[in-house]
PDB file of N, CA and C in Angstrom:
ATOM      1  N   MET A   1       7.770  17.609 -28.173  1.00  0.00           N
ATOM      2  CA  MET A   1       7.026  17.597 -26.883  1.00  0.00           C
ATOM      3  C   MET A   1       7.641  16.511 -25.951  1.00  0.00           C
ATOM      4  N   SER A   2       7.747  16.919 -24.684  1.00  0.00           N
ATOM      5  CA  SER A   2       8.333  16.072 -23.698  1.00  0.00           C
ATOM      6  C   SER A   2       7.329  15.623 -22.673  1.00  0.00           C
ATOM      7  N   ALA A   3       7.601  14.555 -22.007  1.00  0.00           N
ATOM      8  CA  ALA A   3       6.673  14.042 -21.004  1.00  0.00           C
ATOM      9  C   ALA A   3       7.400  13.254 -19.972  1.00  0.00           C
ATOM     10  N   ILE A   4       6.875  13.223 -18.754  1.00  0.00           N
ATOM     11  CA  ILE A   4       7.446  12.484 -17.658  1.00  0.00           C
ATOM     12  C   ILE A   4       6.345  11.628 -17.055  1.00  0.00           C
ATOM     13  N   LYS A   5       6.579  10.366 -17.069  1.00  0.00           N
ATOM     14  CA  LYS A   5       5.595   9.420 -16.513  1.00  0.00           C
ATOM     15  C   LYS A   5       6.172   8.821 -15.267  1.00  0.00           C
ATOM     16  N   GLN A   6       5.422   8.971 -14.162  1.00  0.00           N
ATOM     17  CA  GLN A   6       5.883   8.423 -12.891  1.00  0.00           C
ATOM     18  C   GLN A   6       5.119   7.176 -12.541  1.00  0.00           C
ATOM     19  N   GLU A   7       5.849   6.139 -12.102  1.00  0.00           N
ATOM     20  CA  GLU A   7       5.239   4.909 -11.663  1.00  0.00           C
ATOM     21  C   GLU A   7       6.074   4.257 -10.602  1.00  0.00           C
ATOM     22  N   THR A   8       5.455   3.251  -9.983  1.00  0.00           N
ATOM     23  CA  THR A   8       6.172   2.446  -8.993  1.00  0.00           C
ATOM     24  C   THR A   8       6.257   1.058  -9.499  1.00  0.00           C
ATOM     25  N   TYR A   9       7.490   0.480  -9.405  1.00  0.00           N
ATOM     26  CA  TYR A   9       7.696  -0.854  -9.895  1.00  0.00           C
ATOM     27  C   TYR A   9       8.535  -1.660  -8.828  1.00  0.00           C
ATOM     28  N   LYS A  10       7.970  -2.684  -8.281  1.00  0.00           N
ATOM     29  CA  LYS A  10       8.620  -3.476  -7.237  1.00  0.00           C
ATOM     30  C   LYS A  10       9.137  -2.650  -6.093  1.00  0.00           C
ATOM     31  N   GLY A  11       8.338  -1.632  -5.762  1.00  0.00           N
ATOM     32  CA  GLY A  11       8.756  -0.785  -4.630  1.00  0.00           C
ATOM     33  C   GLY A  11       9.702   0.346  -4.996  1.00  0.00           C
ATOM     34  N   TYR A  12      10.108   0.382  -6.235  1.00  0.00           N
ATOM     35  CA  TYR A  12      11.043   1.441  -6.690  1.00  0.00           C
ATOM     36  C   TYR A  12      10.220   2.550  -7.420  1.00  0.00           C
ATOM     37  N   GLU A  13      10.612   3.790  -7.204  1.00  0.00           N
ATOM     38  CA  GLU A  13       9.940   4.864  -7.842  1.00  0.00           C
ATOM     39  C   GLU A  13      10.673   5.048  -9.227  1.00  0.00           C
ATOM     40  N   VAL A  14       9.922   5.140 -10.311  1.00  0.00           N
ATOM     41  CA  VAL A  14      10.466   5.219 -11.609  1.00  0.00           C
ATOM     42  C   VAL A  14       9.966   6.482 -12.344  1.00  0.00           C
ATOM     43  N   LEU A  15      10.917   7.211 -12.986  1.00  0.00           N
ATOM     44  CA  LEU A  15      10.492   8.266 -13.838  1.00  0.00           C
ATOM     45  C   LEU A  15      10.877   7.909 -15.288  1.00  0.00           C
ATOM     46  N   ARG A  16       9.868   7.812 -16.115  1.00  0.00           N
ATOM     47  CA  ARG A  16      10.114   7.479 -17.584  1.00  0.00           C
ATOM     48  C   ARG A  16      10.054   8.774 -18.344  1.00  0.00           C
ATOM     49  N   LEU A  17      11.198   9.197 -18.881  1.00  0.00           N
ATOM     50  CA  LEU A  17      11.266  10.467 -19.652  1.00  0.00           C
ATOM     51  C   LEU A  17      11.059  10.211 -21.076  1.00  0.00           C
ATOM     52  N   LYS A  18      10.484  11.170 -21.798  1.00  0.00           N
ATOM     53  CA  LYS A  18      10.257  11.040 -23.235  1.00  0.00           C
ATOM     54  C   LYS A  18      10.404  12.420 -23.886  1.00  0.00           C
ATOM     55  N   GLY A  19      11.097  12.420 -25.025  1.00  0.00           N
ATOM     56  CA  GLY A  19      11.252  13.663 -25.780  1.00  0.00           C
ATOM     57  C   GLY A  19      12.574  14.322 -25.566  1.00  0.00           C
ATOM     58  N   GLN A  20      12.564  15.624 -25.779  1.00  0.00           N
ATOM     59  CA  GLN A  20      13.774  16.489 -25.639  1.00  0.00           C
ATOM     60  C   GLN A  20      13.710  17.326 -24.293  1.00  0.00           C
ATOM     61  N   PHE A  21      14.798  17.345 -23.593  1.00  0.00           N
ATOM     62  CA  PHE A  21      14.884  18.129 -22.356  1.00  0.00           C
ATOM     63  C   PHE A  21      15.929  19.229 -22.611  1.00  0.00           C
ATOM     64  N   VAL A  22      15.382  20.447 -22.905  1.00  0.00           N
ATOM     65  CA  VAL A  22      16.236  21.502 -23.305  1.00  0.00           C
ATOM     66  C   VAL A  22      16.167  22.798 -22.501  1.00  0.00           C
ATOM     67  N   GLY A  23      15.710  22.614 -21.256  1.00  0.00           N
ATOM     68  CA  GLY A  23      15.719  23.778 -20.330  1.00  0.00           C
ATOM     69  C   GLY A  23      14.424  24.566 -20.276  1.00  0.00           C
ATOM     70  N   GLY A  24      13.357  24.010 -20.863  1.00  0.00           N
ATOM     71  CA  GLY A  24      12.027  24.697 -20.832  1.00  0.00           C
ATOM     72  C   GLY A  24      11.186  24.153 -19.723  1.00  0.00           C
ATOM     73  N   ASP A  25       9.875  24.135 -20.059  1.00  0.00           N
ATOM     74  CA  ASP A  25       8.876  23.588 -19.071  1.00  0.00           C
ATOM     75  C   ASP A  25       9.099  22.157 -18.689  1.00  0.00           C
ATOM     76  N   GLU A  26       9.592  21.378 -19.663  1.00  0.00           N
ATOM     77  CA  GLU A  26       9.846  19.913 -19.392  1.00  0.00           C
ATOM     78  C   GLU A  26      10.930  19.721 -18.332  1.00  0.00           C
ATOM     79  N   THR A  27      11.968  20.655 -18.390  1.00  0.00           N
ATOM     80  CA  THR A  27      13.002  20.530 -17.404  1.00  0.00           C
ATOM     81  C   THR A  27      12.593  21.048 -16.059  1.00  0.00           C
ATOM     82  N   ASP A  28      11.728  22.047 -16.040  1.00  0.00           N
ATOM     83  CA  ASP A  28      11.112  22.499 -14.776  1.00  0.00           C
ATOM     84  C   ASP A  28      10.286  21.423 -14.125  1.00  0.00           C
ATOM     85  N   GLU A  29       9.557  20.677 -14.998  1.00  0.00           N
ATOM     86  CA  GLU A  29       8.707  19.595 -14.474  1.00  0.00           C
ATOM     87  C   GLU A  29       9.604  18.459 -13.878  1.00  0.00           C
ATOM     88  N   LEU A  30      10.732  18.246 -14.569  1.00  0.00           N
ATOM     89  CA  LEU A  30      11.680  17.249 -14.096  1.00  0.00           C
ATOM     90  C   LEU A  30      12.236  17.662 -12.661  1.00  0.00           C
ATOM     91  N   ARG A  31      12.591  18.924 -12.554  1.00  0.00           N
ATOM     92  CA  ARG A  31      13.089  19.496 -11.275  1.00  0.00           C
ATOM     93  C   ARG A  31      12.046  19.311 -10.271  1.00  0.00           C
ATOM     94  N   GLN A  32      10.746  19.583 -10.534  1.00  0.00           N
ATOM     95  CA  GLN A  32       9.692  19.401  -9.544  1.00  0.00           C
ATOM     96  C   GLN A  32       9.570  17.951  -9.134  1.00  0.00           C
ATOM     97  N   GLN A  33       9.640  17.012 -10.077  1.00  0.00           N
ATOM     98  CA  GLN A  33       9.539  15.581  -9.771  1.00  0.00           C
ATOM     99  C   GLN A  33      10.706  15.169  -8.849  1.00  0.00           C
ATOM    100  N   PHE A  34      11.888  15.708  -9.011  1.00  0.00           N
ATOM    101  CA  PHE A  34      13.023  15.361  -8.132  1.00  0.00           C
ATOM    102  C   PHE A  34      12.757  15.982  -6.733  1.00  0.00           C
ATOM    103  N   ALA A  35      12.197  17.214  -6.678  1.00  0.00           N
ATOM    104  CA  ALA A  35      11.938  17.816  -5.418  1.00  0.00           C
ATOM    105  C   ALA A  35      10.907  16.969  -4.596  1.00  0.00           C
ATOM    106  N   LYS A  36       9.905  16.500  -5.336  1.00  0.00           N
ATOM    107  CA  LYS A  36       8.894  15.619  -4.640  1.00  0.00           C
ATOM    108  C   LYS A  36       9.534  14.349  -4.110  1.00  0.00           C
ATOM    109  N   ALA A  37      10.419  13.773  -4.916  1.00  0.00           N
ATOM    110  CA  ALA A  37      11.063  12.520  -4.531  1.00  0.00           C
ATOM    111  C   ALA A  37      11.940  12.771  -3.292  1.00  0.00           C
ATOM    112  N   THR A  38      12.584  13.931  -3.259  1.00  0.00           N
ATOM    113  CA  THR A  38      13.441  14.241  -2.120  1.00  0.00           C
ATOM    114  C   THR A  38      12.618  14.438  -0.910  1.00  0.00           C
ATOM    115  N   GLU A  39      11.471  15.184  -0.987  1.00  0.00           N
ATOM    116  CA  GLU A  39      10.569  15.418   0.106  1.00  0.00           C
ATOM    117  C   GLU A  39      10.004  14.160   0.636  1.00  0.00           C
ATOM    118  N   ALA A  40       9.711  13.183  -0.269  1.00  0.00           N
ATOM    119  CA  ALA A  40       9.167  11.849   0.176  1.00  0.00           C
ATOM    120  C   ALA A  40      10.214  10.953   0.727  1.00  0.00           C
ATOM    121  N   ASP A  41      11.484  11.456   0.745  1.00  0.00           N
ATOM    122  CA  ASP A  41      12.619  10.713   1.317  1.00  0.00           C
ATOM    123  C   ASP A  41      12.803   9.372   0.659  1.00  0.00           C
ATOM    124  N   LEU A  42      12.604   9.336  -0.696  1.00  0.00           N
ATOM    125  CA  LEU A  42      12.840   8.167  -1.460  1.00  0.00           C
ATOM    126  C   LEU A  42      14.310   7.783  -1.420  1.00  0.00           C
ATOM    127  N   GLN A  43      14.601   6.454  -1.278  1.00  0.00           N
ATOM    128  CA  GLN A  43      15.962   6.056  -1.234  1.00  0.00           C
ATOM    129  C   GLN A  43      16.536   5.669  -2.627  1.00  0.00           C
ATOM    130  N   VAL A  44      15.646   5.367  -3.554  1.00  0.00           N
ATOM    131  CA  VAL A  44      16.086   5.001  -4.886  1.00  0.00           C
ATOM    132  C   VAL A  44      15.111   5.655  -5.891  1.00  0.00           C
ATOM    133  N   LEU A  45      15.701   6.269  -6.897  1.00  0.00           N
ATOM    134  CA  LEU A  45      14.892   6.814  -7.969  1.00  0.00           C
ATOM    135  C   LEU A  45      15.500   6.368  -9.272  1.00  0.00           C
ATOM    136  N   ILE A  46      14.687   5.606 -10.094  1.00  0.00           N
ATOM    137  CA  ILE A  46      15.174   5.151 -11.365  1.00  0.00           C
ATOM    138  C   ILE A  46      14.705   6.091 -12.445  1.00  0.00           C
ATOM    139  N   ILE A  47      15.597   6.573 -13.247  1.00  0.00           N
ATOM    140  CA  ILE A  47      15.311   7.423 -14.389  1.00  0.00           C
ATOM    141  C   ILE A  47      15.520   6.647 -15.680  1.00  0.00           C
ATOM    142  N   ASP A  48      14.428   6.384 -16.363  1.00  0.00           N
ATOM    143  CA  ASP A  48      14.433   5.639 -17.635  1.00  0.00           C
ATOM    144  C   ASP A  48      14.478   6.597 -18.742  1.00  0.00           C
ATOM    145  N   LEU A  49      15.620   6.593 -19.464  1.00  0.00           N
ATOM    146  CA  LEU A  49      15.821   7.576 -20.563  1.00  0.00           C
ATOM    147  C   LEU A  49      15.587   6.973 -21.956  1.00  0.00           C
ATOM    148  N   ASP A  50      14.902   5.841 -22.015  1.00  0.00           N
ATOM    149  CA  ASP A  50      14.702   5.099 -23.226  1.00  0.00           C
ATOM    150  C   ASP A  50      14.152   5.943 -24.365  1.00  0.00           C
ATOM    151  N   LYS A  51      13.212   6.872 -24.110  1.00  0.00           N
ATOM    152  CA  LYS A  51      12.544   7.632 -25.112  1.00  0.00           C
ATOM    153  C   LYS A  51      13.034   9.095 -25.140  1.00  0.00           C
ATOM    154  N   VAL A  52      14.187   9.359 -24.563  1.00  0.00           N
ATOM    155  CA  VAL A  52      14.719  10.710 -24.611  1.00  0.00           C
ATOM    156  C   VAL A  52      15.650  10.832 -25.844  1.00  0.00           C
ATOM    157  N   SER A  53      15.326  11.871 -26.632  1.00  0.00           N
ATOM    158  CA  SER A  53      16.125  12.082 -27.813  1.00  0.00           C
ATOM    159  C   SER A  53      17.245  13.120 -27.628  1.00  0.00           C
ATOM    160  N   TYR A  54      17.069  13.980 -26.609  1.00  0.00           N
ATOM    161  CA  TYR A  54      18.092  15.059 -26.412  1.00  0.00           C
ATOM    162  C   TYR A  54      18.060  15.579 -24.968  1.00  0.00           C
ATOM    163  N   LEU A  55      19.239  15.771 -24.430  1.00  0.00           N
ATOM    164  CA  LEU A  55      19.420  16.452 -23.126  1.00  0.00           C
ATOM    165  C   LEU A  55      20.444  17.595 -23.333  1.00  0.00           C
ATOM    166  N   ASN A  56      20.031  18.807 -22.911  1.00  0.00           N
ATOM    167  CA  ASN A  56      21.033  19.878 -22.982  1.00  0.00           C
ATOM    168  C   ASN A  56      21.698  20.074 -21.572  1.00  0.00           C
ATOM    169  N   SER A  57      22.536  21.004 -21.475  1.00  0.00           N
ATOM    170  CA  SER A  57      23.321  21.225 -20.238  1.00  0.00           C
ATOM    171  C   SER A  57      22.394  21.577 -19.069  1.00  0.00           C
ATOM    172  N   THR A  58      21.291  22.256 -19.331  1.00  0.00           N
ATOM    173  CA  THR A  58      20.362  22.606 -18.241  1.00  0.00           C
ATOM    174  C   THR A  58      19.749  21.326 -17.660  1.00  0.00           C
ATOM    175  N   ALA A  59      19.320  20.417 -18.544  1.00  0.00           N
ATOM    176  CA  ALA A  59      18.708  19.161 -18.083  1.00  0.00           C
ATOM    177  C   ALA A  59      19.772  18.345 -17.365  1.00  0.00           C
ATOM    178  N   LEU A  60      21.007  18.324 -17.808  1.00  0.00           N
ATOM    179  CA  LEU A  60      22.075  17.620 -17.177  1.00  0.00           C
ATOM    180  C   LEU A  60      22.245  18.165 -15.761  1.00  0.00           C
ATOM    181  N   GLY A  61      22.185  19.493 -15.668  1.00  0.00           N
ATOM    182  CA  GLY A  61      22.355  20.183 -14.374  1.00  0.00           C
ATOM    183  C   GLY A  61      21.245  19.732 -13.401  1.00  0.00           C
ATOM    184  N   VAL A  62      20.035  19.543 -13.914  1.00  0.00           N
ATOM    185  CA  VAL A  62      18.927  19.118 -13.031  1.00  0.00           C
ATOM    186  C   VAL A  62      19.190  17.661 -12.588  1.00  0.00           C
ATOM    187  N   LEU A  63      19.750  16.818 -13.456  1.00  0.00           N
ATOM    188  CA  LEU A  63      20.039  15.439 -13.057  1.00  0.00           C
ATOM    189  C   LEU A  63      21.148  15.430 -11.992  1.00  0.00           C
ATOM    190  N   ILE A  64      22.185  16.241 -12.273  1.00  0.00           N
ATOM    191  CA  ILE A  64      23.309  16.298 -11.292  1.00  0.00           C
ATOM    192  C   ILE A  64      22.857  16.823  -9.959  1.00  0.00           C
ATOM    193  N   SER A  65      21.994  17.830  -9.942  1.00  0.00           N
ATOM    194  CA  SER A  65      21.414  18.351  -8.692  1.00  0.00           C
ATOM    195  C   SER A  65      20.635  17.307  -7.949  1.00  0.00           C
ATOM    196  N   ALA A  66      19.796  16.536  -8.651  1.00  0.00           N
ATOM    197  CA  ALA A  66      19.030  15.440  -8.060  1.00  0.00           C
ATOM    198  C   ALA A  66      20.000  14.395  -7.439  1.00  0.00           C
ATOM    199  N   HIS A  67      20.982  14.088  -8.186  1.00  0.00           N
ATOM    200  CA  HIS A  67      21.984  13.081  -7.697  1.00  0.00           C
ATOM    201  C   HIS A  67      22.632  13.602  -6.419  1.00  0.00           C
ATOM    202  N   THR A  68      23.014  14.839  -6.414  1.00  0.00           N
ATOM    203  CA  THR A  68      23.654  15.464  -5.220  1.00  0.00           C
ATOM    204  C   THR A  68      22.726  15.463  -4.035  1.00  0.00           C
ATOM    205  N   ASN A  69      21.427  15.823  -4.267  1.00  0.00           N
ATOM    206  CA  ASN A  69      20.478  15.825  -3.124  1.00  0.00           C
ATOM    207  C   ASN A  69      20.240  14.430  -2.577  1.00  0.00           C
ATOM    208  N   PHE A  70      20.181  13.460  -3.495  1.00  0.00           N
ATOM    209  CA  PHE A  70      19.989  12.074  -3.042  1.00  0.00           C
ATOM    210  C   PHE A  70      21.210  11.572  -2.308  1.00  0.00           C
ATOM    211  N   ALA A  71      22.412  11.855  -2.841  1.00  0.00           N
ATOM    212  CA  ALA A  71      23.665  11.382  -2.229  1.00  0.00           C
ATOM    213  C   ALA A  71      23.836  11.900  -0.836  1.00  0.00           C
ATOM    214  N   LYS A  72      23.331  13.109  -0.576  1.00  0.00           N
ATOM    215  CA  LYS A  72      23.469  13.722   0.734  1.00  0.00           C
ATOM    216  C   LYS A  72      22.704  12.871   1.764  1.00  0.00           C
ATOM    217  N   ARG A  73      21.662  12.193   1.292  1.00  0.00           N
ATOM    218  CA  ARG A  73      20.832  11.395   2.187  1.00  0.00           C
ATOM    219  C   ARG A  73      21.183   9.911   2.087  1.00  0.00           C
ATOM    220  N   ASN A  74      22.293   9.549   1.452  1.00  0.00           N
ATOM    221  CA  ASN A  74      22.699   8.182   1.243  1.00  0.00           C
ATOM    222  C   ASN A  74      21.664   7.438   0.375  1.00  0.00           C
ATOM    223  N   ALA A  75      21.018   8.161  -0.568  1.00  0.00           N
ATOM    224  CA  ALA A  75      20.078   7.595  -1.432  1.00  0.00           C
ATOM    225  C   ALA A  75      20.687   7.726  -2.818  1.00  0.00           C
ATOM    226  N   LYS A  76      20.035   7.093  -3.831  1.00  0.00           N
ATOM    227  CA  LYS A  76      20.681   7.164  -5.123  1.00  0.00           C
ATOM    228  C   LYS A  76      19.686   7.332  -6.273  1.00  0.00           C
ATOM    229  N   VAL A  77      20.222   8.003  -7.311  1.00  0.00           N
ATOM    230  CA  VAL A  77      19.524   8.167  -8.598  1.00  0.00           C
ATOM    231  C   VAL A  77      20.236   7.217  -9.565  1.00  0.00           C
ATOM    232  N   VAL A  78      19.421   6.380 -10.189  1.00  0.00           N
ATOM    233  CA  VAL A  78      19.977   5.389 -11.146  1.00  0.00           C
ATOM    234  C   VAL A  78      19.415   5.681 -12.571  1.00  0.00           C
ATOM    235  N   LEU A  79      20.274   5.616 -13.557  1.00  0.00           N
ATOM    236  CA  LEU A  79      19.831   5.893 -14.935  1.00  0.00           C
ATOM    237  C   LEU A  79      19.835   4.570 -15.735  1.00  0.00           C
ATOM    238  N   CYS A  80      18.900   4.447 -16.677  1.00  0.00           N
ATOM    239  CA  CYS A  80      18.914   3.259 -17.511  1.00  0.00           C
ATOM    240  C   CYS A  80      18.340   3.597 -18.889  1.00  0.00           C
ATOM    241  N   ASN A  81      18.665   2.714 -19.854  1.00  0.00           N
ATOM    242  CA  ASN A  81      18.199   2.836 -21.242  1.00  0.00           C
ATOM    243  C   ASN A  81      18.644   4.046 -21.974  1.00  0.00           C
ATOM    244  N   LEU A  82      19.958   4.466 -21.816  1.00  0.00           N
ATOM    245  CA  LEU A  82      20.476   5.559 -22.523  1.00  0.00           C
ATOM    246  C   LEU A  82      20.738   5.208 -23.983  1.00  0.00           C
ATOM    247  N   SER A  83      20.314   6.081 -24.866  1.00  0.00           N
ATOM    248  CA  SER A  83      20.619   5.874 -26.264  1.00  0.00           C
ATOM    249  C   SER A  83      22.179   6.126 -26.465  1.00  0.00           C
ATOM    250  N   ASP A  84      22.719   5.738 -27.547  1.00  0.00           N
ATOM    251  CA  ASP A  84      24.139   5.953 -27.779  1.00  0.00           C
ATOM    252  C   ASP A  84      24.520   7.422 -27.710  1.00  0.00           C
ATOM    253  N   SER A  85      23.688   8.314 -28.287  1.00  0.00           N
ATOM    254  CA  SER A  85      24.020   9.725 -28.267  1.00  0.00           C
ATOM    255  C   SER A  85      23.904  10.300 -26.878  1.00  0.00           C
ATOM    256  N   ILE A  86      22.889   9.862 -26.106  1.00  0.00           N
ATOM    257  CA  ILE A  86      22.772  10.398 -24.736  1.00  0.00           C
ATOM    258  C   ILE A  86      23.944   9.816 -23.864  1.00  0.00           C
ATOM    259  N   GLU A  87      24.233   8.556 -24.044  1.00  0.00           N
ATOM    260  CA  GLU A  87      25.342   7.912 -23.280  1.00  0.00           C
ATOM    261  C   GLU A  87      26.623   8.676 -23.574  1.00  0.00           C
ATOM    262  N   ASN A  88      26.828   9.024 -24.853  1.00  0.00           N
ATOM    263  CA  ASN A  88      28.039   9.733 -25.213  1.00  0.00           C
ATOM    264  C   ASN A  88      28.183  11.046 -24.466  1.00  0.00           C
ATOM    265  N   ILE A  89      27.113  11.754 -24.206  1.00  0.00           N
ATOM    266  CA  ILE A  89      27.100  13.028 -23.459  1.00  0.00           C
ATOM    267  C   ILE A  89      27.675  12.705 -22.056  1.00  0.00           C
ATOM    268  N   PHE A  90      27.195  11.578 -21.449  1.00  0.00           N
ATOM    269  CA  PHE A  90      27.587  11.192 -20.091  1.00  0.00           C
ATOM    270  C   PHE A  90      29.103  10.822 -20.066  1.00  0.00           C
ATOM    271  N   VAL A  91      29.523  10.189 -21.164  1.00  0.00           N
ATOM    272  CA  VAL A  91      30.935   9.742 -21.230  1.00  0.00           C
ATOM    273  C   VAL A  91      31.841  10.956 -21.357  1.00  0.00           C
ATOM    274  N   VAL A  92      31.519  11.858 -22.330  1.00  0.00           N
ATOM    275  CA  VAL A  92      32.332  13.025 -22.585  1.00  0.00           C
ATOM    276  C   VAL A  92      32.411  13.963 -21.371  1.00  0.00           C
ATOM    277  N   THR A  93      31.291  14.103 -20.609  1.00  0.00           N
ATOM    278  CA  THR A  93      31.286  14.936 -19.419  1.00  0.00           C
ATOM    279  C   THR A  93      31.780  14.232 -18.181  1.00  0.00           C
ATOM    280  N   LYS A  94      32.171  12.941 -18.335  1.00  0.00           N
ATOM    281  CA  LYS A  94      32.646  12.114 -17.228  1.00  0.00           C
ATOM    282  C   LYS A  94      31.566  11.817 -16.144  1.00  0.00           C
ATOM    283  N   LEU A  95      30.292  12.009 -16.562  1.00  0.00           N
ATOM    284  CA  LEU A  95      29.183  11.761 -15.617  1.00  0.00           C
ATOM    285  C   LEU A  95      28.938  10.282 -15.427  1.00  0.00           C
ATOM    286  N   THR A  96      29.595   9.442 -16.252  1.00  0.00           N
ATOM    287  CA  THR A  96      29.511   8.003 -16.042  1.00  0.00           C
ATOM    288  C   THR A  96      30.202   7.648 -14.755  1.00  0.00           C
ATOM    289  N   LEU A  97      31.062   8.497 -14.295  1.00  0.00           N
ATOM    290  CA  LEU A  97      31.765   8.276 -12.989  1.00  0.00           C
ATOM    291  C   LEU A  97      30.887   8.658 -11.809  1.00  0.00           C
ATOM    292  N   VAL A  98      29.879   9.405 -12.086  1.00  0.00           N
ATOM    293  CA  VAL A  98      29.006   9.971 -11.019  1.00  0.00           C
ATOM    294  C   VAL A  98      27.754   9.137 -10.867  1.00  0.00           C
ATOM    295  N   PHE A  99      27.129   8.778 -11.954  1.00  0.00           N
ATOM    296  CA  PHE A  99      25.818   8.051 -11.959  1.00  0.00           C
ATOM    297  C   PHE A  99      26.025   6.538 -12.093  1.00  0.00           C
ATOM    298  N   SER A 100      25.087   5.793 -11.541  1.00  0.00           N
ATOM    299  CA  SER A 100      24.986   4.418 -11.810  1.00  0.00           C
ATOM    300  C   SER A 100      24.138   4.309 -13.053  1.00  0.00           C
ATOM    301  N   ILE A 101      24.689   3.757 -14.166  1.00  0.00           N
ATOM    302  CA  ILE A 101      24.073   3.706 -15.414  1.00  0.00           C
ATOM    303  C   ILE A 101      23.922   2.237 -15.894  1.00  0.00           C
ATOM    304  N   PHE A 102      22.723   1.825 -16.261  1.00  0.00           N
ATOM    305  CA  PHE A 102      22.466   0.490 -16.680  1.00  0.00           C
ATOM    306  C   PHE A 102      21.921   0.474 -18.101  1.00  0.00           C
ATOM    307  N   GLY A 103      22.260  -0.621 -18.829  1.00  0.00           N
ATOM    308  CA  GLY A 103      21.819  -0.785 -20.222  1.00  0.00           C
ATOM    309  C   GLY A 103      20.329  -0.958 -20.375  1.00  0.00           C
ATOM    310  N   SER A 104      19.695  -1.556 -19.402  1.00  0.00           N
ATOM    311  CA  SER A 104      18.232  -1.758 -19.532  1.00  0.00           C
ATOM    312  C   SER A 104      17.633  -1.569 -18.162  1.00  0.00           C
ATOM    313  N   PHE A 105      16.264  -1.401 -18.187  1.00  0.00           N
ATOM    314  CA  PHE A 105      15.556  -1.253 -16.973  1.00  0.00           C
ATOM    315  C   PHE A 105      15.617  -2.540 -16.090  1.00  0.00           C
ATOM    316  N   ASP A 106      15.526  -3.664 -16.683  1.00  0.00           N
ATOM    317  CA  ASP A 106      15.637  -4.990 -15.949  1.00  0.00           C
ATOM    318  C   ASP A 106      17.028  -5.092 -15.283  1.00  0.00           C
ATOM    319  N   GLU A 107      18.018  -4.628 -15.977  1.00  0.00           N
ATOM    320  CA  GLU A 107      19.381  -4.687 -15.422  1.00  0.00           C
ATOM    321  C   GLU A 107      19.504  -3.819 -14.125  1.00  0.00           C
ATOM    322  N   ALA A 108      18.863  -2.656 -14.234  1.00  0.00           N
ATOM    323  CA  ALA A 108      18.860  -1.718 -13.084  1.00  0.00           C
ATOM    324  C   ALA A 108      18.140  -2.340 -11.878  1.00  0.00           C
ATOM    325  N   ILE A 109      16.967  -2.941 -12.198  1.00  0.00           N
ATOM    326  CA  ILE A 109      16.147  -3.619 -11.100  1.00  0.00           C
ATOM    327  C   ILE A 109      16.962  -4.760 -10.470  1.00  0.00           C
ATOM    328  N   THR A 110      17.574  -5.612 -11.318  1.00  0.00           N
ATOM    329  CA  THR A 110      18.340  -6.712 -10.853  1.00  0.00           C
ATOM    330  C   THR A 110      19.484  -6.245  -9.913  1.00  0.00           C
ATOM    331  N   ASN A 111      20.153  -5.160 -10.325  1.00  0.00           N
ATOM    332  CA  ASN A 111      21.301  -4.662  -9.576  1.00  0.00           C
ATOM    333  C   ASN A 111      20.811  -4.125  -8.219  1.00  0.00           C
ATOM    334  N   LEU A 112      19.688  -3.333  -8.264  1.00  0.00           N
ATOM    335  CA  LEU A 112      19.177  -2.752  -7.073  1.00  0.00           C
ATOM    336  C   LEU A 112      18.651  -3.840  -6.104  1.00  0.00           C
ATOM    337  N   ASP A 113      17.985  -4.831  -6.582  1.00  0.00           N
ATOM    338  CA  ASP A 113      17.491  -5.937  -5.793  1.00  0.00           C
ATOM    339  C   ASP A 113      18.631  -6.645  -5.074  1.00  0.00           C
ATOM    340  N   SER A 114      19.790  -6.873  -5.821  1.00  0.00           N
ATOM    341  CA  SER A 114      20.893  -7.556  -5.260  1.00  0.00           C
ATOM    342  C   SER A 114      21.649  -6.757  -4.245  1.00  0.00           C
ATOM    343  N   ALA A 115      21.435  -5.410  -4.271  1.00  0.00           N
ATOM    344  CA  ALA A 115      22.162  -4.530  -3.338  1.00  0.00           C
ATOM    345  C   ALA A 115      21.406  -4.377  -2.031  1.00  0.00           C
ATOM    346  N   LYS A 116      20.158  -4.824  -1.985  1.00  0.00           N
ATOM    347  CA  LYS A 116      19.338  -4.660  -0.770  1.00  0.00           C
ATOM    348  C   LYS A 116      19.933  -5.402   0.448  1.00  0.00           C
TER     349      LYS A 116
END
């Protein structure tokens, strides 16, 4: 089972993902969350992958699409708390060159605060 928890922390919108994202309802829900964030004209969206055990190519496509939509508006999608296996997917696909990826949630917040 997968879940997406939305919250606001220090003015930043945060999506905390949990479970496996394999192209089913959970991935559709993720796509809808990104659409809402784009409509709300959010400048920063933090995706916390701490509790994600698996991402397939469909879920990666949703993340890439969100990144593209945000980048068009000079906004950004930031990832944090990737497990070794999830991080390996980003390394192999060269997506580490596309996304801002941080080892922890606090590291992401510190970096974003210093960039203001």
